[in-house]
Amino acid sequence: MLAGSCGLFNLEWSNRSAEFGIFIGDKSRWNKGFGAEVLQLVLNHAFNTLNLNRGHLRVFAGNLPAKRSYEKAAFRLEGTLRQAVFRHGRYIDVHVMSIRCAEWKNHQEG
């Protein structure tokens, strides 16, 4: 059974950057560490295999578990796209978070 999906997209080879996306749709797999593990695998691929310098992602402002997971992985808040998405009858903010290769490697060393 498919639990979700993830990947790198909008790769900018000249800038050595990409956008990261992850979605775990199977709620029975939430809060079990799958997202954190996938995040580390994709970041390892981005920085060690593809030799990227930077990755970024977007997360709904109200998705606190995801934001905490990204912060634990050393992502930093870059800014907020105010009322960027209309969902469930209201506008919501979207946070943009990023990580650089050097930050990720320092975080791995612990």
N, C-alpha and C. Protein backbone atom coordinates (compact mmCIF):
# COMPACT_ATOMS: atom_id res chain seq x y z
N MET A 1 0.83 -1.17 0.00
CA MET A 1 0.00 0.00 0.00
C MET A 1 0.89 1.24 0.00
N LEU A 2 0.55 2.22 -0.81
CA LEU A 2 1.28 3.47 -0.90
C LEU A 2 0.98 4.33 0.33
N ALA A 3 2.02 4.72 1.04
CA ALA A 3 1.85 5.54 2.23
C ALA A 3 1.84 7.02 1.89
N GLY A 4 2.54 7.40 0.83
CA GLY A 4 2.64 8.80 0.46
C GLY A 4 3.63 8.97 -0.67
N SER A 5 4.14 10.17 -0.80
CA SER A 5 5.13 10.44 -1.85
C SER A 5 6.07 11.53 -1.40
N CYS A 6 7.21 11.60 -2.06
CA CYS A 6 8.17 12.65 -1.76
C CYS A 6 9.05 12.84 -2.98
N GLY A 7 9.78 13.93 -2.99
CA GLY A 7 10.70 14.13 -4.08
C GLY A 7 11.28 15.53 -4.11
N LEU A 8 12.19 15.70 -5.03
CA LEU A 8 12.79 16.99 -5.31
C LEU A 8 12.24 17.47 -6.64
N PHE A 9 11.88 18.72 -6.73
CA PHE A 9 11.38 19.25 -7.99
C PHE A 9 11.82 20.70 -8.12
N ASN A 10 11.52 21.29 -9.27
CA ASN A 10 11.98 22.64 -9.58
C ASN A 10 13.49 22.77 -9.36
N LEU A 11 14.23 21.75 -9.81
CA LEU A 11 15.68 21.80 -9.69
C LEU A 11 16.25 22.93 -10.53
N GLU A 12 17.13 23.68 -9.94
CA GLU A 12 17.83 24.76 -10.62
C GLU A 12 19.32 24.41 -10.58
N TRP A 13 19.77 23.73 -11.61
CA TRP A 13 21.15 23.24 -11.62
C TRP A 13 22.15 24.38 -11.55
N SER A 14 21.87 25.50 -12.21
CA SER A 14 22.83 26.62 -12.19
C SER A 14 22.99 27.20 -10.79
N ASN A 15 21.95 27.09 -9.97
CA ASN A 15 22.00 27.58 -8.59
C ASN A 15 22.21 26.47 -7.57
N ARG A 16 22.21 25.23 -8.07
CA ARG A 16 22.36 24.04 -7.22
C ARG A 16 21.32 24.04 -6.09
N SER A 17 20.06 24.22 -6.49
CA SER A 17 18.98 24.24 -5.51
C SER A 17 17.77 23.48 -6.04
N ALA A 18 16.90 23.11 -5.11
CA ALA A 18 15.67 22.39 -5.48
C ALA A 18 14.63 22.58 -4.39
N GLU A 19 13.39 22.32 -4.77
CA GLU A 19 12.29 22.34 -3.81
C GLU A 19 12.01 20.91 -3.39
N PHE A 20 11.73 20.75 -2.11
CA PHE A 20 11.46 19.44 -1.54
C PHE A 20 9.97 19.32 -1.26
N GLY A 21 9.41 18.15 -1.52
CA GLY A 21 8.01 17.92 -1.21
C GLY A 21 7.82 16.55 -0.57
N ILE A 22 6.95 16.48 0.41
CA ILE A 22 6.63 15.22 1.06
C ILE A 22 5.15 15.22 1.42
N PHE A 23 4.54 14.07 1.25
CA PHE A 23 3.13 13.92 1.60
C PHE A 23 2.93 12.50 2.12
N ILE A 24 2.44 12.39 3.34
CA ILE A 24 2.09 11.08 3.89
C ILE A 24 0.57 11.08 4.03
N GLY A 25 -0.08 10.40 3.11
CA GLY A 25 -1.53 10.41 3.06
C GLY A 25 -2.19 9.37 3.94
N ASP A 26 -1.48 8.32 4.25
CA ASP A 26 -2.01 7.25 5.08
C ASP A 26 -1.90 7.67 6.55
N LYS A 27 -3.00 8.10 7.14
CA LYS A 27 -2.98 8.63 8.50
C LYS A 27 -2.50 7.62 9.54
N SER A 28 -2.62 6.34 9.23
CA SER A 28 -2.14 5.32 10.17
C SER A 28 -0.61 5.34 10.28
N ARG A 29 0.05 6.03 9.37
CA ARG A 29 1.52 6.11 9.39
C ARG A 29 2.02 7.46 9.90
N TRP A 30 1.12 8.31 10.32
CA TRP A 30 1.52 9.60 10.87
C TRP A 30 2.14 9.39 12.25
N ASN A 31 3.06 10.26 12.63
CA ASN A 31 3.68 10.27 13.96
C ASN A 31 4.41 8.98 14.30
N LYS A 32 4.97 8.34 13.28
CA LYS A 32 5.73 7.11 13.51
C LYS A 32 7.15 7.21 12.98
N GLY A 33 7.56 8.41 12.58
CA GLY A 33 8.92 8.63 12.15
C GLY A 33 9.18 8.41 10.67
N PHE A 34 8.15 8.02 9.91
CA PHE A 34 8.35 7.80 8.48
C PHE A 34 8.76 9.09 7.77
N GLY A 35 8.09 10.18 8.08
CA GLY A 35 8.40 11.45 7.43
C GLY A 35 9.82 11.90 7.73
N ALA A 36 10.24 11.77 8.98
CA ALA A 36 11.60 12.17 9.36
C ALA A 36 12.64 11.31 8.65
N GLU A 37 12.37 10.03 8.54
CA GLU A 37 13.31 9.14 7.85
C GLU A 37 13.39 9.46 6.37
N VAL A 38 12.25 9.66 5.74
CA VAL A 38 12.23 10.01 4.32
C VAL A 38 12.93 11.34 4.10
N LEU A 39 12.68 12.30 4.97
CA LEU A 39 13.32 13.60 4.86
C LEU A 39 14.84 13.46 4.85
N GLN A 40 15.38 12.67 5.76
CA GLN A 40 16.83 12.49 5.83
C GLN A 40 17.36 11.78 4.57
N LEU A 41 16.63 10.81 4.07
CA LEU A 41 17.07 10.11 2.86
C LEU A 41 17.09 11.04 1.65
N VAL A 42 16.07 11.86 1.51
CA VAL A 42 16.01 12.78 0.37
C VAL A 42 17.07 13.87 0.51
N LEU A 43 17.29 14.38 1.71
CA LEU A 43 18.32 15.39 1.91
C LEU A 43 19.71 14.80 1.65
N ASN A 44 19.93 13.58 2.07
CA ASN A 44 21.20 12.91 1.77
C ASN A 44 21.41 12.81 0.26
N HIS A 45 20.38 12.42 -0.44
CA HIS A 45 20.47 12.34 -1.90
C HIS A 45 20.73 13.71 -2.52
N ALA A 46 20.01 14.72 -2.04
CA ALA A 46 20.15 16.07 -2.59
C ALA A 46 21.56 16.61 -2.39
N PHE A 47 22.10 16.44 -1.20
CA PHE A 47 23.38 17.07 -0.89
C PHE A 47 24.59 16.19 -1.23
N ASN A 48 24.48 14.89 -1.04
CA ASN A 48 25.63 14.02 -1.27
C ASN A 48 25.68 13.41 -2.66
N THR A 49 24.54 13.17 -3.27
CA THR A 49 24.53 12.58 -4.61
C THR A 49 24.42 13.66 -5.69
N LEU A 50 23.46 14.56 -5.53
CA LEU A 50 23.23 15.59 -6.54
C LEU A 50 24.11 16.82 -6.35
N ASN A 51 24.79 16.90 -5.22
CA ASN A 51 25.69 18.01 -4.92
C ASN A 51 24.97 19.36 -4.93
N LEU A 52 23.75 19.38 -4.40
CA LEU A 52 23.02 20.64 -4.30
C LEU A 52 23.55 21.45 -3.12
N ASN A 53 23.35 22.74 -3.17
CA ASN A 53 23.75 23.62 -2.08
C ASN A 53 22.58 23.98 -1.18
N ARG A 54 21.37 23.96 -1.73
CA ARG A 54 20.22 24.48 -0.98
C ARG A 54 18.95 23.74 -1.35
N GLY A 55 18.10 23.56 -0.36
CA GLY A 55 16.77 23.01 -0.60
C GLY A 55 15.75 23.85 0.15
N HIS A 56 14.55 23.91 -0.37
CA HIS A 56 13.50 24.64 0.33
C HIS A 56 12.18 23.90 0.19
N LEU A 57 11.24 24.27 1.02
CA LEU A 57 9.91 23.65 1.00
C LEU A 57 8.89 24.66 1.44
N ARG A 58 7.64 24.31 1.24
CA ARG A 58 6.51 25.12 1.69
C ARG A 58 5.66 24.26 2.62
N VAL A 59 5.18 24.87 3.68
CA VAL A 59 4.36 24.16 4.65
C VAL A 59 3.25 25.09 5.12
N PHE A 60 2.05 24.55 5.23
CA PHE A 60 0.94 25.35 5.74
C PHE A 60 1.25 25.81 7.16
N ALA A 61 0.95 27.06 7.44
CA ALA A 61 1.28 27.65 8.74
C ALA A 61 0.70 26.85 9.90
N GLY A 62 -0.46 26.27 9.73
CA GLY A 62 -1.10 25.53 10.82
C GLY A 62 -0.61 24.10 10.99
N ASN A 63 0.28 23.64 10.13
CA ASN A 63 0.77 22.27 10.21
C ASN A 63 1.98 22.21 11.15
N LEU A 64 1.70 22.33 12.44
CA LEU A 64 2.77 22.41 13.43
C LEU A 64 3.62 21.14 13.52
N PRO A 65 3.04 19.94 13.41
CA PRO A 65 3.91 18.75 13.44
C PRO A 65 4.93 18.73 12.30
N ALA A 66 4.50 19.12 11.12
CA ALA A 66 5.44 19.15 9.99
C ALA A 66 6.51 20.21 10.20
N LYS A 67 6.11 21.39 10.65
CA LYS A 67 7.09 22.45 10.91
C LYS A 67 8.12 22.02 11.94
N ARG A 68 7.69 21.36 13.00
CA ARG A 68 8.62 20.88 14.02
C ARG A 68 9.58 19.84 13.44
N SER A 69 9.06 18.96 12.60
CA SER A 69 9.90 17.95 11.97
C SER A 69 10.96 18.60 11.09
N TYR A 70 10.57 19.60 10.33
CA TYR A 70 11.53 20.29 9.46
C TYR A 70 12.57 21.04 10.29
N GLU A 71 12.13 21.66 11.38
CA GLU A 71 13.07 22.36 12.24
C GLU A 71 14.06 21.39 12.88
N LYS A 72 13.60 20.21 13.27
CA LYS A 72 14.49 19.19 13.84
C LYS A 72 15.54 18.75 12.83
N ALA A 73 15.19 18.81 11.55
CA ALA A 73 16.12 18.43 10.48
C ALA A 73 17.01 19.59 10.06
N ALA A 74 16.92 20.72 10.75
CA ALA A 74 17.76 21.91 10.55
C ALA A 74 17.24 22.87 9.49
N PHE A 75 15.99 22.73 9.06
CA PHE A 75 15.40 23.74 8.18
C PHE A 75 15.17 25.02 8.99
N ARG A 76 15.25 26.15 8.31
CA ARG A 76 15.00 27.44 8.93
C ARG A 76 13.89 28.17 8.19
N LEU A 77 13.12 28.91 8.93
CA LEU A 77 12.05 29.70 8.34
C LEU A 77 12.66 30.85 7.54
N GLU A 78 12.25 30.97 6.28
CA GLU A 78 12.70 32.08 5.45
C GLU A 78 11.67 33.19 5.38
N GLY A 79 10.41 32.82 5.36
CA GLY A 79 9.38 33.83 5.27
C GLY A 79 8.00 33.23 5.18
N THR A 80 7.02 34.08 5.08
CA THR A 80 5.63 33.67 5.03
C THR A 80 4.96 34.24 3.80
N LEU A 81 4.28 33.38 3.07
CA LEU A 81 3.43 33.81 1.96
C LEU A 81 2.05 34.00 2.58
N ARG A 82 1.68 35.24 2.83
CA ARG A 82 0.47 35.54 3.57
C ARG A 82 -0.77 35.25 2.75
N GLN A 83 -1.70 34.52 3.36
CA GLN A 83 -2.97 34.15 2.75
C GLN A 83 -2.77 33.63 1.33
N ALA A 84 -1.81 32.75 1.17
CA ALA A 84 -1.42 32.27 -0.16
C ALA A 84 -2.31 31.16 -0.70
N VAL A 85 -3.04 30.48 0.18
CA VAL A 85 -3.86 29.34 -0.25
C VAL A 85 -5.26 29.49 0.31
N PHE A 86 -6.25 29.21 -0.53
CA PHE A 86 -7.64 29.21 -0.09
C PHE A 86 -8.03 27.76 0.15
N ARG A 87 -8.34 27.41 1.39
CA ARG A 87 -8.61 26.01 1.73
C ARG A 87 -9.68 25.96 2.81
N HIS A 88 -10.64 25.09 2.62
CA HIS A 88 -11.73 24.89 3.58
C HIS A 88 -12.43 26.21 3.92
N GLY A 89 -12.63 27.03 2.90
CA GLY A 89 -13.40 28.24 3.06
C GLY A 89 -12.66 29.44 3.62
N ARG A 90 -11.34 29.33 3.74
CA ARG A 90 -10.59 30.47 4.26
C ARG A 90 -9.19 30.51 3.66
N TYR A 91 -8.57 31.66 3.75
CA TYR A 91 -7.20 31.82 3.28
C TYR A 91 -6.24 31.45 4.41
N ILE A 92 -5.17 30.76 4.04
CA ILE A 92 -4.17 30.40 5.05
C ILE A 92 -2.77 30.80 4.56
N ASP A 93 -1.92 31.06 5.54
CA ASP A 93 -0.53 31.40 5.26
C ASP A 93 0.27 30.14 4.93
N VAL A 94 1.31 30.34 4.15
CA VAL A 94 2.24 29.26 3.82
C VAL A 94 3.64 29.73 4.21
N HIS A 95 4.32 28.90 4.99
CA HIS A 95 5.70 29.21 5.38
C HIS A 95 6.66 28.60 4.37
N VAL A 96 7.71 29.34 4.06
CA VAL A 96 8.80 28.84 3.23
C VAL A 96 9.98 28.58 4.17
N MET A 97 10.48 27.35 4.12
CA MET A 97 11.62 26.97 4.96
C MET A 97 12.73 26.47 4.05
N SER A 98 13.97 26.64 4.50
CA SER A 98 15.09 26.20 3.67
C SER A 98 16.19 25.58 4.52
N ILE A 99 17.08 24.90 3.82
CA ILE A 99 18.26 24.31 4.44
C ILE A 99 19.39 24.35 3.43
N ARG A 100 20.59 24.65 3.92
CA ARG A 100 21.77 24.63 3.05
C ARG A 100 22.58 23.38 3.37
N CYS A 101 23.36 22.96 2.41
CA CYS A 101 24.16 21.75 2.56
C CYS A 101 25.02 21.81 3.82
N ALA A 102 25.72 22.92 4.03
CA ALA A 102 26.60 23.05 5.19
C ALA A 102 25.82 22.93 6.50
N GLU A 103 24.61 23.50 6.55
CA GLU A 103 23.78 23.40 7.75
C GLU A 103 23.38 21.96 8.01
N TRP A 104 23.00 21.26 6.94
CA TRP A 104 22.58 19.87 7.08
C TRP A 104 23.75 19.01 7.56
N LYS A 105 24.92 19.22 6.98
CA LYS A 105 26.10 18.42 7.38
C LYS A 105 26.49 18.71 8.83
N ASN A 106 26.45 19.96 9.25
CA ASN A 106 26.73 20.29 10.65
C ASN A 106 25.73 19.64 11.57
N HIS A 107 24.48 19.63 11.16
CA HIS A 107 23.42 19.01 11.96
C HIS A 107 23.64 17.51 12.07
N GLN A 108 24.12 16.87 11.01
CA GLN A 108 24.38 15.43 11.02
C GLN A 108 25.51 15.08 11.97
N GLU A 109 26.49 15.97 12.07
CA GLU A 109 27.63 15.72 12.96
C GLU A 109 27.25 15.88 14.42
N GLY A 110 26.16 16.61 14.64
CA GLY A 110 25.52 16.68 15.90
C GLY A 110 25.95 17.47 17.01
